[in-house]
Amino acid sequence: MSTAAATPVRTGQVLADLIPASRVRDAALVLGGAALTGVAAQIAVPVPGSPVPVTGQTFAALLVGTALGAGRGFLSLALYAVAGLAGMPWFASATSGVAPSFGYILGMILASTVVGALARRGADRSVWRMAGTMLVGEAIIYAIGVPYLALATGMSAAAAIAAGFTPFLIGDALKAALAMGVLPTAWKFANKR
């Protein structure tokens, strides 16, 4: 008979908190979150007429924030951005440095932090709350990415919306649907353990 009781899963935790706490764990999670985002950025499909491709990067950034929490999510995406600025070729399509799409990366840093804070409040525990969380995260990414795109390219606001927002709505809906299934399912599995 085991004397160790299972740790109950409660609000205030994110998925990463189910792993025993240590500095090594936190460092590995931050590095892993940055690496996951870098790998997902390589899934890139060019969009005709736009300097911004469709990538798996936004999904990874929101997943990292939700699973790791605000602090580790922020650090993961900040590490991703700093390493990319320093020359690591892990932005979309194996690029690095500042590009017209860099505003989306800045937005991902903030979005990862916000969705991580929402996850601590249980926003990743049900399908509909997760949908709202993803919507908030995506809105933050676009709120920073689209104006940055306009400034970096000299596009008008309407042109930046047409090139940096509208073509991505269907893909973002699919990414949100995937997250709506993955994260609440992960919690159901964790609660059964």
N, C-alpha and C. Protein backbone atom coordinates (compact mmCIF):
# COMPACT_ATOMS: atom_id res chain seq x y z
N MET A 1 0.84 -1.18 0.00
CA MET A 1 0.00 0.00 0.00
C MET A 1 0.89 1.24 0.00
N SER A 2 0.60 2.17 -0.89
CA SER A 2 1.39 3.39 -1.01
C SER A 2 0.97 4.38 0.07
N THR A 3 1.96 5.03 0.67
CA THR A 3 1.65 6.04 1.68
C THR A 3 1.60 7.44 1.09
N ALA A 4 2.07 7.59 -0.14
CA ALA A 4 2.05 8.91 -0.80
C ALA A 4 0.70 9.12 -1.45
N ALA A 5 0.06 10.20 -1.09
CA ALA A 5 -1.24 10.53 -1.68
C ALA A 5 -1.02 11.33 -2.95
N ALA A 6 -1.93 11.18 -3.88
CA ALA A 6 -1.85 11.96 -5.11
C ALA A 6 -2.10 13.43 -4.79
N THR A 7 -1.35 14.30 -5.42
CA THR A 7 -1.53 15.73 -5.22
C THR A 7 -2.79 16.16 -5.95
N PRO A 8 -3.74 16.77 -5.25
CA PRO A 8 -4.97 17.18 -5.94
C PRO A 8 -4.69 18.33 -6.90
N VAL A 9 -5.36 18.31 -8.03
CA VAL A 9 -5.24 19.37 -9.02
C VAL A 9 -6.26 20.44 -8.65
N ARG A 10 -5.81 21.67 -8.54
CA ARG A 10 -6.71 22.73 -8.11
C ARG A 10 -6.46 23.99 -8.93
N THR A 11 -7.41 24.91 -8.87
CA THR A 11 -7.24 26.20 -9.51
C THR A 11 -6.03 26.87 -8.86
N GLY A 12 -5.30 27.61 -9.64
CA GLY A 12 -4.07 28.20 -9.16
C GLY A 12 -2.86 27.46 -9.71
N GLN A 13 -3.13 26.30 -10.29
CA GLN A 13 -2.07 25.52 -10.92
C GLN A 13 -2.23 25.59 -12.43
N VAL A 14 -1.09 25.42 -13.11
CA VAL A 14 -1.09 25.19 -14.55
C VAL A 14 -0.53 23.79 -14.76
N LEU A 15 -0.62 23.28 -15.95
CA LEU A 15 -0.16 21.90 -16.20
C LEU A 15 1.28 21.68 -15.75
N ALA A 16 2.15 22.64 -15.98
CA ALA A 16 3.56 22.48 -15.61
C ALA A 16 3.75 22.30 -14.11
N ASP A 17 2.81 22.81 -13.30
CA ASP A 17 2.92 22.68 -11.86
C ASP A 17 2.72 21.25 -11.38
N LEU A 18 2.26 20.38 -12.24
CA LEU A 18 2.07 18.97 -11.87
C LEU A 18 3.39 18.22 -11.84
N ILE A 19 4.44 18.81 -12.41
CA ILE A 19 5.79 18.25 -12.37
C ILE A 19 6.43 18.75 -11.08
N PRO A 20 7.10 17.90 -10.32
CA PRO A 20 7.72 18.35 -9.07
C PRO A 20 8.60 19.59 -9.29
N ALA A 21 8.44 20.55 -8.38
CA ALA A 21 9.09 21.85 -8.52
C ALA A 21 10.60 21.78 -8.28
N SER A 22 11.33 22.50 -9.14
CA SER A 22 12.76 22.71 -8.96
C SER A 22 13.19 23.78 -9.95
N ARG A 23 14.35 24.33 -9.72
CA ARG A 23 14.89 25.31 -10.67
C ARG A 23 15.24 24.65 -12.00
N VAL A 24 15.70 23.41 -11.91
CA VAL A 24 16.02 22.66 -13.13
C VAL A 24 14.75 22.47 -13.95
N ARG A 25 13.64 22.11 -13.29
CA ARG A 25 12.37 21.95 -14.00
C ARG A 25 11.99 23.24 -14.69
N ASP A 26 12.05 24.35 -13.96
CA ASP A 26 11.64 25.62 -14.53
C ASP A 26 12.52 26.01 -15.71
N ALA A 27 13.83 25.81 -15.58
CA ALA A 27 14.74 26.14 -16.69
C ALA A 27 14.45 25.26 -17.90
N ALA A 28 14.21 23.97 -17.65
CA ALA A 28 13.91 23.05 -18.76
C ALA A 28 12.59 23.42 -19.43
N LEU A 29 11.61 23.82 -18.64
CA LEU A 29 10.32 24.21 -19.22
C LEU A 29 10.45 25.49 -20.06
N VAL A 30 11.21 26.45 -19.56
CA VAL A 30 11.41 27.70 -20.32
C VAL A 30 12.14 27.42 -21.62
N LEU A 31 13.22 26.65 -21.55
CA LEU A 31 13.96 26.29 -22.77
C LEU A 31 13.08 25.48 -23.72
N GLY A 32 12.35 24.53 -23.16
CA GLY A 32 11.47 23.70 -23.99
C GLY A 32 10.38 24.52 -24.66
N GLY A 33 9.82 25.49 -23.94
CA GLY A 33 8.79 26.36 -24.53
C GLY A 33 9.34 27.19 -25.67
N ALA A 34 10.54 27.72 -25.49
CA ALA A 34 11.18 28.50 -26.57
C ALA A 34 11.46 27.60 -27.77
N ALA A 35 11.97 26.40 -27.50
CA ALA A 35 12.29 25.47 -28.60
C ALA A 35 11.02 25.03 -29.33
N LEU A 36 9.95 24.74 -28.59
CA LEU A 36 8.69 24.35 -29.23
C LEU A 36 8.19 25.46 -30.15
N THR A 37 8.28 26.69 -29.69
CA THR A 37 7.85 27.82 -30.53
C THR A 37 8.72 27.93 -31.77
N GLY A 38 10.03 27.73 -31.61
CA GLY A 38 10.94 27.78 -32.75
C GLY A 38 10.67 26.69 -33.76
N VAL A 39 10.37 25.50 -33.28
CA VAL A 39 10.05 24.39 -34.19
C VAL A 39 8.72 24.65 -34.89
N ALA A 40 7.73 25.10 -34.14
CA ALA A 40 6.41 25.37 -34.73
C ALA A 40 6.47 26.49 -35.76
N ALA A 41 7.41 27.42 -35.59
CA ALA A 41 7.55 28.52 -36.55
C ALA A 41 8.02 28.02 -37.92
N GLN A 42 8.61 26.83 -37.94
CA GLN A 42 9.10 26.28 -39.22
C GLN A 42 7.96 25.70 -40.05
N ILE A 43 6.80 25.52 -39.44
CA ILE A 43 5.60 25.16 -40.19
C ILE A 43 5.07 26.49 -40.73
N ALA A 44 5.52 26.86 -41.90
CA ALA A 44 5.21 28.17 -42.45
C ALA A 44 4.70 28.06 -43.88
N VAL A 45 3.56 28.68 -44.11
CA VAL A 45 2.95 28.70 -45.44
C VAL A 45 2.84 30.16 -45.88
N PRO A 46 3.51 30.53 -46.98
CA PRO A 46 3.44 31.92 -47.44
C PRO A 46 2.00 32.32 -47.78
N VAL A 47 1.68 33.58 -47.52
CA VAL A 47 0.38 34.13 -47.87
C VAL A 47 0.61 35.14 -48.99
N PRO A 48 0.01 34.91 -50.16
CA PRO A 48 0.20 35.84 -51.28
C PRO A 48 -0.17 37.27 -50.88
N GLY A 49 0.73 38.21 -51.16
CA GLY A 49 0.49 39.61 -50.87
C GLY A 49 0.78 40.02 -49.43
N SER A 50 1.33 39.11 -48.64
CA SER A 50 1.62 39.43 -47.25
C SER A 50 3.04 39.01 -46.90
N PRO A 51 3.75 39.84 -46.13
CA PRO A 51 5.08 39.42 -45.66
C PRO A 51 5.00 38.49 -44.45
N VAL A 52 3.78 38.18 -44.00
CA VAL A 52 3.57 37.34 -42.82
C VAL A 52 3.03 35.99 -43.27
N PRO A 53 3.75 34.90 -42.98
CA PRO A 53 3.23 33.58 -43.35
C PRO A 53 2.30 33.03 -42.27
N VAL A 54 1.52 32.05 -42.65
CA VAL A 54 0.74 31.27 -41.68
C VAL A 54 1.73 30.29 -41.05
N THR A 55 1.79 30.26 -39.73
CA THR A 55 2.74 29.37 -39.04
C THR A 55 2.07 28.67 -37.87
N GLY A 56 2.78 27.72 -37.29
CA GLY A 56 2.34 27.08 -36.07
C GLY A 56 2.81 27.84 -34.84
N GLN A 57 3.52 28.92 -35.06
CA GLN A 57 4.16 29.71 -34.02
C GLN A 57 3.16 30.28 -33.01
N THR A 58 2.07 30.85 -33.48
CA THR A 58 1.11 31.46 -32.55
C THR A 58 0.46 30.39 -31.68
N PHE A 59 0.14 29.24 -32.27
CA PHE A 59 -0.44 28.15 -31.49
C PHE A 59 0.54 27.72 -30.40
N ALA A 60 1.81 27.56 -30.76
CA ALA A 60 2.82 27.15 -29.78
C ALA A 60 2.96 28.18 -28.68
N ALA A 61 2.99 29.45 -29.03
CA ALA A 61 3.15 30.51 -28.03
C ALA A 61 2.00 30.50 -27.03
N LEU A 62 0.78 30.33 -27.52
CA LEU A 62 -0.38 30.30 -26.61
C LEU A 62 -0.42 29.02 -25.80
N LEU A 63 -0.02 27.92 -26.41
CA LEU A 63 0.05 26.65 -25.69
C LEU A 63 1.11 26.73 -24.58
N VAL A 64 2.26 27.30 -24.90
CA VAL A 64 3.34 27.46 -23.91
C VAL A 64 2.85 28.31 -22.74
N GLY A 65 2.24 29.44 -23.02
CA GLY A 65 1.75 30.29 -21.94
C GLY A 65 0.73 29.61 -21.07
N THR A 66 -0.20 28.92 -21.71
CA THR A 66 -1.27 28.25 -20.96
C THR A 66 -0.73 27.10 -20.12
N ALA A 67 0.15 26.32 -20.69
CA ALA A 67 0.68 25.15 -19.97
C ALA A 67 1.71 25.51 -18.91
N LEU A 68 2.49 26.57 -19.13
CA LEU A 68 3.57 26.91 -18.21
C LEU A 68 3.21 27.99 -17.20
N GLY A 69 2.18 28.77 -17.49
CA GLY A 69 1.83 29.88 -16.61
C GLY A 69 2.48 31.17 -17.09
N ALA A 70 2.06 32.26 -16.48
CA ALA A 70 2.47 33.59 -16.94
C ALA A 70 3.98 33.80 -16.89
N GLY A 71 4.61 33.51 -15.77
CA GLY A 71 6.04 33.78 -15.63
C GLY A 71 6.91 32.96 -16.56
N ARG A 72 6.71 31.64 -16.54
CA ARG A 72 7.52 30.78 -17.41
C ARG A 72 7.14 30.98 -18.87
N GLY A 73 5.87 31.27 -19.15
CA GLY A 73 5.47 31.55 -20.53
C GLY A 73 6.14 32.80 -21.05
N PHE A 74 6.16 33.86 -20.22
CA PHE A 74 6.84 35.09 -20.61
C PHE A 74 8.32 34.81 -20.89
N LEU A 75 8.98 34.11 -19.97
CA LEU A 75 10.41 33.84 -20.14
C LEU A 75 10.68 33.01 -21.38
N SER A 76 9.83 32.03 -21.67
CA SER A 76 10.01 31.20 -22.87
C SER A 76 9.94 32.03 -24.14
N LEU A 77 8.91 32.87 -24.23
CA LEU A 77 8.75 33.66 -25.46
C LEU A 77 9.76 34.79 -25.54
N ALA A 78 10.17 35.33 -24.39
CA ALA A 78 11.23 36.34 -24.40
C ALA A 78 12.55 35.72 -24.86
N LEU A 79 12.85 34.52 -24.37
CA LEU A 79 14.05 33.80 -24.80
C LEU A 79 13.99 33.52 -26.30
N TYR A 80 12.83 33.08 -26.77
CA TYR A 80 12.63 32.83 -28.20
C TYR A 80 12.95 34.10 -29.01
N ALA A 81 12.40 35.24 -28.56
CA ALA A 81 12.61 36.50 -29.29
C ALA A 81 14.07 36.95 -29.24
N VAL A 82 14.67 36.92 -28.07
CA VAL A 82 16.05 37.38 -27.93
C VAL A 82 17.01 36.50 -28.73
N ALA A 83 16.82 35.19 -28.66
CA ALA A 83 17.68 34.28 -29.43
C ALA A 83 17.52 34.52 -30.93
N GLY A 84 16.30 34.75 -31.38
CA GLY A 84 16.06 35.04 -32.79
C GLY A 84 16.68 36.35 -33.22
N LEU A 85 16.62 37.34 -32.35
CA LEU A 85 17.26 38.63 -32.65
C LEU A 85 18.78 38.49 -32.70
N ALA A 86 19.31 37.57 -31.89
CA ALA A 86 20.76 37.36 -31.85
C ALA A 86 21.27 36.51 -33.00
N GLY A 87 20.36 36.01 -33.85
CA GLY A 87 20.79 35.27 -35.03
C GLY A 87 20.36 33.82 -35.11
N MET A 88 19.72 33.30 -34.07
CA MET A 88 19.24 31.92 -34.14
C MET A 88 18.14 31.85 -35.20
N PRO A 89 18.29 31.01 -36.20
CA PRO A 89 17.33 30.99 -37.32
C PRO A 89 16.07 30.18 -37.00
N TRP A 90 15.30 30.63 -36.01
CA TRP A 90 14.12 29.87 -35.65
C TRP A 90 12.84 30.70 -35.68
N PHE A 91 12.90 31.89 -36.30
CA PHE A 91 11.66 32.57 -36.62
C PHE A 91 11.08 31.88 -37.85
N ALA A 92 9.92 32.30 -38.30
CA ALA A 92 9.24 31.64 -39.42
C ALA A 92 10.19 31.43 -40.60
N SER A 93 10.14 30.24 -41.16
CA SER A 93 10.93 29.86 -42.31
C SER A 93 12.44 29.98 -42.08
N ALA A 94 12.89 29.65 -40.89
CA ALA A 94 14.32 29.64 -40.52
C ALA A 94 14.98 31.00 -40.69
N THR A 95 14.27 32.06 -40.32
CA THR A 95 14.83 33.41 -40.37
C THR A 95 15.19 33.86 -38.96
N SER A 96 15.85 35.00 -38.88
CA SER A 96 16.19 35.61 -37.60
C SER A 96 16.23 37.11 -37.80
N GLY A 97 16.38 37.84 -36.71
CA GLY A 97 16.48 39.29 -36.79
C GLY A 97 15.13 39.97 -36.88
N VAL A 98 15.18 41.27 -37.06
CA VAL A 98 13.96 42.07 -37.12
C VAL A 98 13.40 42.03 -38.54
N ALA A 99 12.12 41.73 -38.65
CA ALA A 99 11.42 41.70 -39.94
C ALA A 99 10.08 42.41 -39.75
N PRO A 100 9.34 42.66 -40.83
CA PRO A 100 8.03 43.30 -40.67
C PRO A 100 7.07 42.51 -39.78
N SER A 101 7.31 41.22 -39.64
CA SER A 101 6.43 40.39 -38.81
C SER A 101 6.89 40.31 -37.35
N PHE A 102 7.94 41.05 -36.97
CA PHE A 102 8.45 40.95 -35.61
C PHE A 102 7.44 41.41 -34.56
N GLY A 103 6.54 42.28 -34.94
CA GLY A 103 5.50 42.73 -34.00
C GLY A 103 4.64 41.58 -33.50
N TYR A 104 4.44 40.58 -34.33
CA TYR A 104 3.67 39.41 -33.89
C TYR A 104 4.42 38.66 -32.79
N ILE A 105 5.73 38.62 -32.90
CA ILE A 105 6.54 37.95 -31.87
C ILE A 105 6.43 38.73 -30.56
N LEU A 106 6.49 40.06 -30.64
CA LEU A 106 6.30 40.87 -29.44
C LEU A 106 4.91 40.62 -28.85
N GLY A 107 3.92 40.52 -29.71
CA GLY A 107 2.56 40.21 -29.25
C GLY A 107 2.47 38.85 -28.59
N MET A 108 3.23 37.89 -29.11
CA MET A 108 3.23 36.54 -28.52
C MET A 108 3.80 36.54 -27.11
N ILE A 109 4.78 37.40 -26.86
CA ILE A 109 5.34 37.48 -25.51
C ILE A 109 4.25 37.92 -24.53
N LEU A 110 3.54 38.99 -24.87
CA LEU A 110 2.47 39.48 -24.00
C LEU A 110 1.32 38.48 -23.93
N ALA A 111 0.94 37.92 -25.07
CA ALA A 111 -0.19 36.98 -25.09
C ALA A 111 0.12 35.74 -24.26
N SER A 112 1.33 35.23 -24.34
CA SER A 112 1.72 34.07 -23.55
C SER A 112 1.59 34.36 -22.06
N THR A 113 1.95 35.55 -21.67
CA THR A 113 1.87 35.96 -20.27
C THR A 113 0.41 36.05 -19.82
N VAL A 114 -0.42 36.66 -20.64
CA VAL A 114 -1.83 36.84 -20.28
C VAL A 114 -2.57 35.50 -20.24
N VAL A 115 -2.38 34.65 -21.25
CA VAL A 115 -3.09 33.36 -21.23
C VAL A 115 -2.58 32.49 -20.08
N GLY A 116 -1.31 32.65 -19.73
CA GLY A 116 -0.78 31.93 -18.57
C GLY A 116 -1.44 32.36 -17.28
N ALA A 117 -1.67 33.66 -17.13
CA ALA A 117 -2.37 34.18 -15.95
C ALA A 117 -3.82 33.68 -15.93
N LEU A 118 -4.46 33.65 -17.09
CA LEU A 118 -5.83 33.14 -17.16
C LEU A 118 -5.88 31.65 -16.83
N ALA A 119 -4.89 30.91 -17.30
CA ALA A 119 -4.84 29.47 -17.01
C ALA A 119 -4.73 29.23 -15.50
N ARG A 120 -3.98 30.06 -14.80
CA ARG A 120 -3.87 29.93 -13.34
C ARG A 120 -5.22 30.10 -12.66
N ARG A 121 -6.11 30.78 -13.34
CA ARG A 121 -7.46 30.99 -12.81
C ARG A 121 -8.44 29.93 -13.34
N GLY A 122 -7.89 28.90 -13.98
CA GLY A 122 -8.72 27.78 -14.44
C GLY A 122 -9.28 27.91 -15.84
N ALA A 123 -8.78 28.87 -16.61
CA ALA A 123 -9.33 29.11 -17.95
C ALA A 123 -9.02 28.00 -18.95
N ASP A 124 -8.13 27.09 -18.59
CA ASP A 124 -7.78 26.00 -19.50
C ASP A 124 -8.45 24.68 -19.12
N ARG A 125 -9.43 24.73 -18.23
CA ARG A 125 -10.04 23.51 -17.70
C ARG A 125 -11.27 23.06 -18.49
N SER A 126 -11.89 23.95 -19.25
CA SER A 126 -13.07 23.56 -20.02
C SER A 126 -12.94 24.06 -21.45
N VAL A 127 -13.69 23.45 -22.33
CA VAL A 127 -13.63 23.79 -23.75
C VAL A 127 -13.98 25.26 -23.98
N TRP A 128 -15.05 25.73 -23.39
CA TRP A 128 -15.51 27.10 -23.68
C TRP A 128 -14.63 28.15 -23.03
N ARG A 129 -14.12 27.87 -21.85
CA ARG A 129 -13.21 28.83 -21.22
C ARG A 129 -11.90 28.87 -22.00
N MET A 130 -11.48 27.72 -22.51
CA MET A 130 -10.27 27.68 -23.32
C MET A 130 -10.47 28.46 -24.62
N ALA A 131 -11.66 28.39 -25.19
CA ALA A 131 -11.96 29.16 -26.41
C ALA A 131 -11.80 30.65 -26.14
N GLY A 132 -12.32 31.11 -25.02
CA GLY A 132 -12.19 32.51 -24.66
C GLY A 132 -10.74 32.90 -24.43
N THR A 133 -9.99 32.01 -23.79
CA THR A 133 -8.57 32.27 -23.53
C THR A 133 -7.80 32.41 -24.83
N MET A 134 -8.05 31.51 -25.77
CA MET A 134 -7.37 31.59 -27.07
C MET A 134 -7.76 32.87 -27.81
N LEU A 135 -9.02 33.25 -27.73
CA LEU A 135 -9.48 34.47 -28.38
C LEU A 135 -8.75 35.69 -27.82
N VAL A 136 -8.62 35.75 -26.50
CA VAL A 136 -7.89 36.85 -25.87
C VAL A 136 -6.43 36.86 -26.34
N GLY A 137 -5.79 35.69 -26.33
CA GLY A 137 -4.39 35.60 -26.76
C GLY A 137 -4.21 36.04 -28.21
N GLU A 138 -5.05 35.56 -29.09
CA GLU A 138 -4.96 35.94 -30.51
C GLU A 138 -5.18 37.44 -30.68
N ALA A 139 -6.15 38.00 -29.95
CA ALA A 139 -6.42 39.44 -30.05
C ALA A 139 -5.20 40.26 -29.65
N ILE A 140 -4.50 39.83 -28.61
CA ILE A 140 -3.29 40.54 -28.17
C ILE A 140 -2.21 40.48 -29.25
N ILE A 141 -2.03 39.30 -29.83
CA ILE A 141 -1.01 39.15 -30.88
C ILE A 141 -1.30 40.08 -32.05
N TYR A 142 -2.55 40.12 -32.50
CA TYR A 142 -2.89 41.00 -33.61
C TYR A 142 -2.84 42.47 -33.23
N ALA A 143 -3.21 42.80 -32.00
CA ALA A 143 -3.21 44.20 -31.56
C ALA A 143 -1.81 44.80 -31.59
N ILE A 144 -0.79 43.96 -31.46
CA ILE A 144 0.59 44.44 -31.55
C ILE A 144 1.17 44.19 -32.94
N GLY A 145 0.89 43.02 -33.50
CA GLY A 145 1.47 42.63 -34.78
C GLY A 145 1.02 43.46 -35.97
N VAL A 146 -0.26 43.76 -36.06
CA VAL A 146 -0.78 44.48 -37.23
C VAL A 146 -0.28 45.93 -37.26
N PRO A 147 -0.35 46.70 -36.17
CA PRO A 147 0.21 48.05 -36.22
C PRO A 147 1.72 48.06 -36.50
N TYR A 148 2.45 47.09 -35.92
CA TYR A 148 3.89 46.99 -36.19
C TYR A 148 4.12 46.74 -37.68
N LEU A 149 3.32 45.85 -38.27
CA LEU A 149 3.43 45.57 -39.71
C LEU A 149 3.21 46.84 -40.52
N ALA A 150 2.20 47.60 -40.15
CA ALA A 150 1.91 48.85 -40.87
C ALA A 150 3.09 49.81 -40.76
N LEU A 151 3.64 49.97 -39.56
CA LEU A 151 4.77 50.88 -39.37
C LEU A 151 6.03 50.39 -40.09
N ALA A 152 6.29 49.10 -40.03
CA ALA A 152 7.52 48.56 -40.62
C ALA A 152 7.50 48.58 -42.14
N THR A 153 6.32 48.50 -42.73
CA THR A 153 6.23 48.43 -44.19
C THR A 153 5.70 49.71 -44.83
N GLY A 154 5.17 50.63 -44.02
CA GLY A 154 4.56 51.83 -44.57
C GLY A 154 3.15 51.59 -45.11
N MET A 155 2.58 50.44 -44.79
CA MET A 155 1.21 50.14 -45.23
C MET A 155 0.22 51.02 -44.48
N SER A 156 -0.92 51.26 -45.14
CA SER A 156 -2.01 51.92 -44.44
C SER A 156 -2.60 50.93 -43.44
N ALA A 157 -3.41 51.42 -42.52
CA ALA A 157 -4.05 50.52 -41.54
C ALA A 157 -4.90 49.48 -42.25
N ALA A 158 -5.64 49.89 -43.26
CA ALA A 158 -6.50 48.95 -43.99
C ALA A 158 -5.67 47.89 -44.71
N ALA A 159 -4.56 48.31 -45.31
CA ALA A 159 -3.70 47.35 -46.00
C ALA A 159 -3.05 46.38 -45.01
N ALA A 160 -2.65 46.89 -43.85
CA ALA A 160 -2.04 46.02 -42.84
C ALA A 160 -3.05 45.01 -42.31
N ILE A 161 -4.28 45.42 -42.14
CA ILE A 161 -5.34 44.49 -41.70
C ILE A 161 -5.58 43.44 -42.79
N ALA A 162 -5.62 43.88 -44.05
CA ALA A 162 -5.84 42.94 -45.15
C ALA A 162 -4.68 41.96 -45.31
N ALA A 163 -3.45 42.40 -45.03
CA ALA A 163 -2.28 41.53 -45.21
C ALA A 163 -1.88 40.78 -43.95
N GLY A 164 -2.19 41.34 -42.77
CA GLY A 164 -1.69 40.77 -41.54
C GLY A 164 -2.72 40.29 -40.55
N PHE A 165 -4.00 40.32 -40.94
CA PHE A 165 -5.05 39.86 -40.04
C PHE A 165 -6.06 38.96 -40.75
N THR A 166 -6.70 39.49 -41.75
CA THR A 166 -7.79 38.78 -42.43
C THR A 166 -7.40 37.39 -42.95
N PRO A 167 -6.24 37.22 -43.60
CA PRO A 167 -5.92 35.89 -44.14
C PRO A 167 -5.69 34.81 -43.08
N PHE A 168 -5.59 35.21 -41.83
CA PHE A 168 -5.21 34.27 -40.78
C PHE A 168 -6.39 33.81 -39.92
N LEU A 169 -7.57 34.35 -40.15
CA LEU A 169 -8.70 34.06 -39.28
C LEU A 169 -9.11 32.59 -39.29
N ILE A 170 -9.15 31.97 -40.45
CA ILE A 170 -9.56 30.56 -40.51
C ILE A 170 -8.52 29.67 -39.82
N GLY A 171 -7.25 29.91 -40.08
CA GLY A 171 -6.20 29.14 -39.42
C GLY A 171 -6.22 29.31 -37.91
N ASP A 172 -6.48 30.53 -37.46
CA ASP A 172 -6.53 30.77 -36.02
C ASP A 172 -7.73 30.08 -35.38
N ALA A 173 -8.84 30.02 -36.11
CA ALA A 173 -10.00 29.29 -35.59
C ALA A 173 -9.67 27.80 -35.45
N LEU A 174 -8.94 27.26 -36.41
CA LEU A 174 -8.54 25.84 -36.32
C LEU A 174 -7.58 25.61 -35.16
N LYS A 175 -6.62 26.53 -34.97
CA LYS A 175 -5.68 26.40 -33.85
C LYS A 175 -6.42 26.48 -32.52
N ALA A 176 -7.38 27.40 -32.43
CA ALA A 176 -8.16 27.53 -31.20
C ALA A 176 -8.95 26.26 -30.92
N ALA A 177 -9.52 25.68 -31.97
CA ALA A 177 -10.28 24.44 -31.80
C ALA A 177 -9.38 23.31 -31.30
N LEU A 178 -8.17 23.25 -31.82
CA LEU A 178 -7.22 22.24 -31.36
C LEU A 178 -6.89 22.44 -29.88
N ALA A 179 -6.62 23.68 -29.49
CA ALA A 179 -6.31 23.96 -28.09
C ALA A 179 -7.51 23.68 -27.19
N MET A 180 -8.71 23.94 -27.70
CA MET A 180 -9.93 23.68 -26.93
C MET A 180 -10.09 22.20 -26.61
N GLY A 181 -9.52 21.36 -27.46
CA GLY A 181 -9.58 19.94 -27.20
C GLY A 181 -8.41 19.44 -26.39
N VAL A 182 -7.22 19.94 -26.68
CA VAL A 182 -6.00 19.40 -26.06
C VAL A 182 -5.89 19.73 -24.58
N LEU A 183 -6.00 20.99 -24.21
CA LEU A 183 -5.73 21.38 -22.83
C LEU A 183 -6.79 20.87 -21.84
N PRO A 184 -8.09 21.05 -22.10
CA PRO A 184 -9.05 20.47 -21.15
C PRO A 184 -8.91 18.94 -21.05
N THR A 185 -8.56 18.27 -22.14
CA THR A 185 -8.35 16.82 -22.10
C THR A 185 -7.14 16.48 -21.23
N ALA A 186 -6.09 17.26 -21.34
CA ALA A 186 -4.91 17.03 -20.50
C ALA A 186 -5.27 17.16 -19.02
N TRP A 187 -6.12 18.14 -18.68
CA TRP A 187 -6.55 18.29 -17.29
C TRP A 187 -7.41 17.12 -16.84
N LYS A 188 -8.28 16.65 -17.71
CA LYS A 188 -9.11 15.48 -17.35
C LYS A 188 -8.21 14.28 -17.05
N PHE A 189 -7.19 14.09 -17.87
CA PHE A 189 -6.26 13.00 -17.65
C PHE A 189 -5.51 13.20 -16.33
N ALA A 190 -5.06 14.43 -16.06
CA ALA A 190 -4.33 14.71 -14.82
C ALA A 190 -5.21 14.49 -13.59
N ASN A 191 -6.48 14.84 -13.70
CA ASN A 191 -7.39 14.67 -12.56
C ASN A 191 -7.69 13.21 -12.26
N LYS A 192 -7.54 12.34 -13.25
CA LYS A 192 -7.78 10.91 -13.05
C LYS A 192 -6.60 10.22 -12.41
N ARG A 193 -5.42 10.82 -12.47
CA ARG A 193 -4.21 10.19 -11.94
C ARG A 193 -4.16 10.23 -10.46
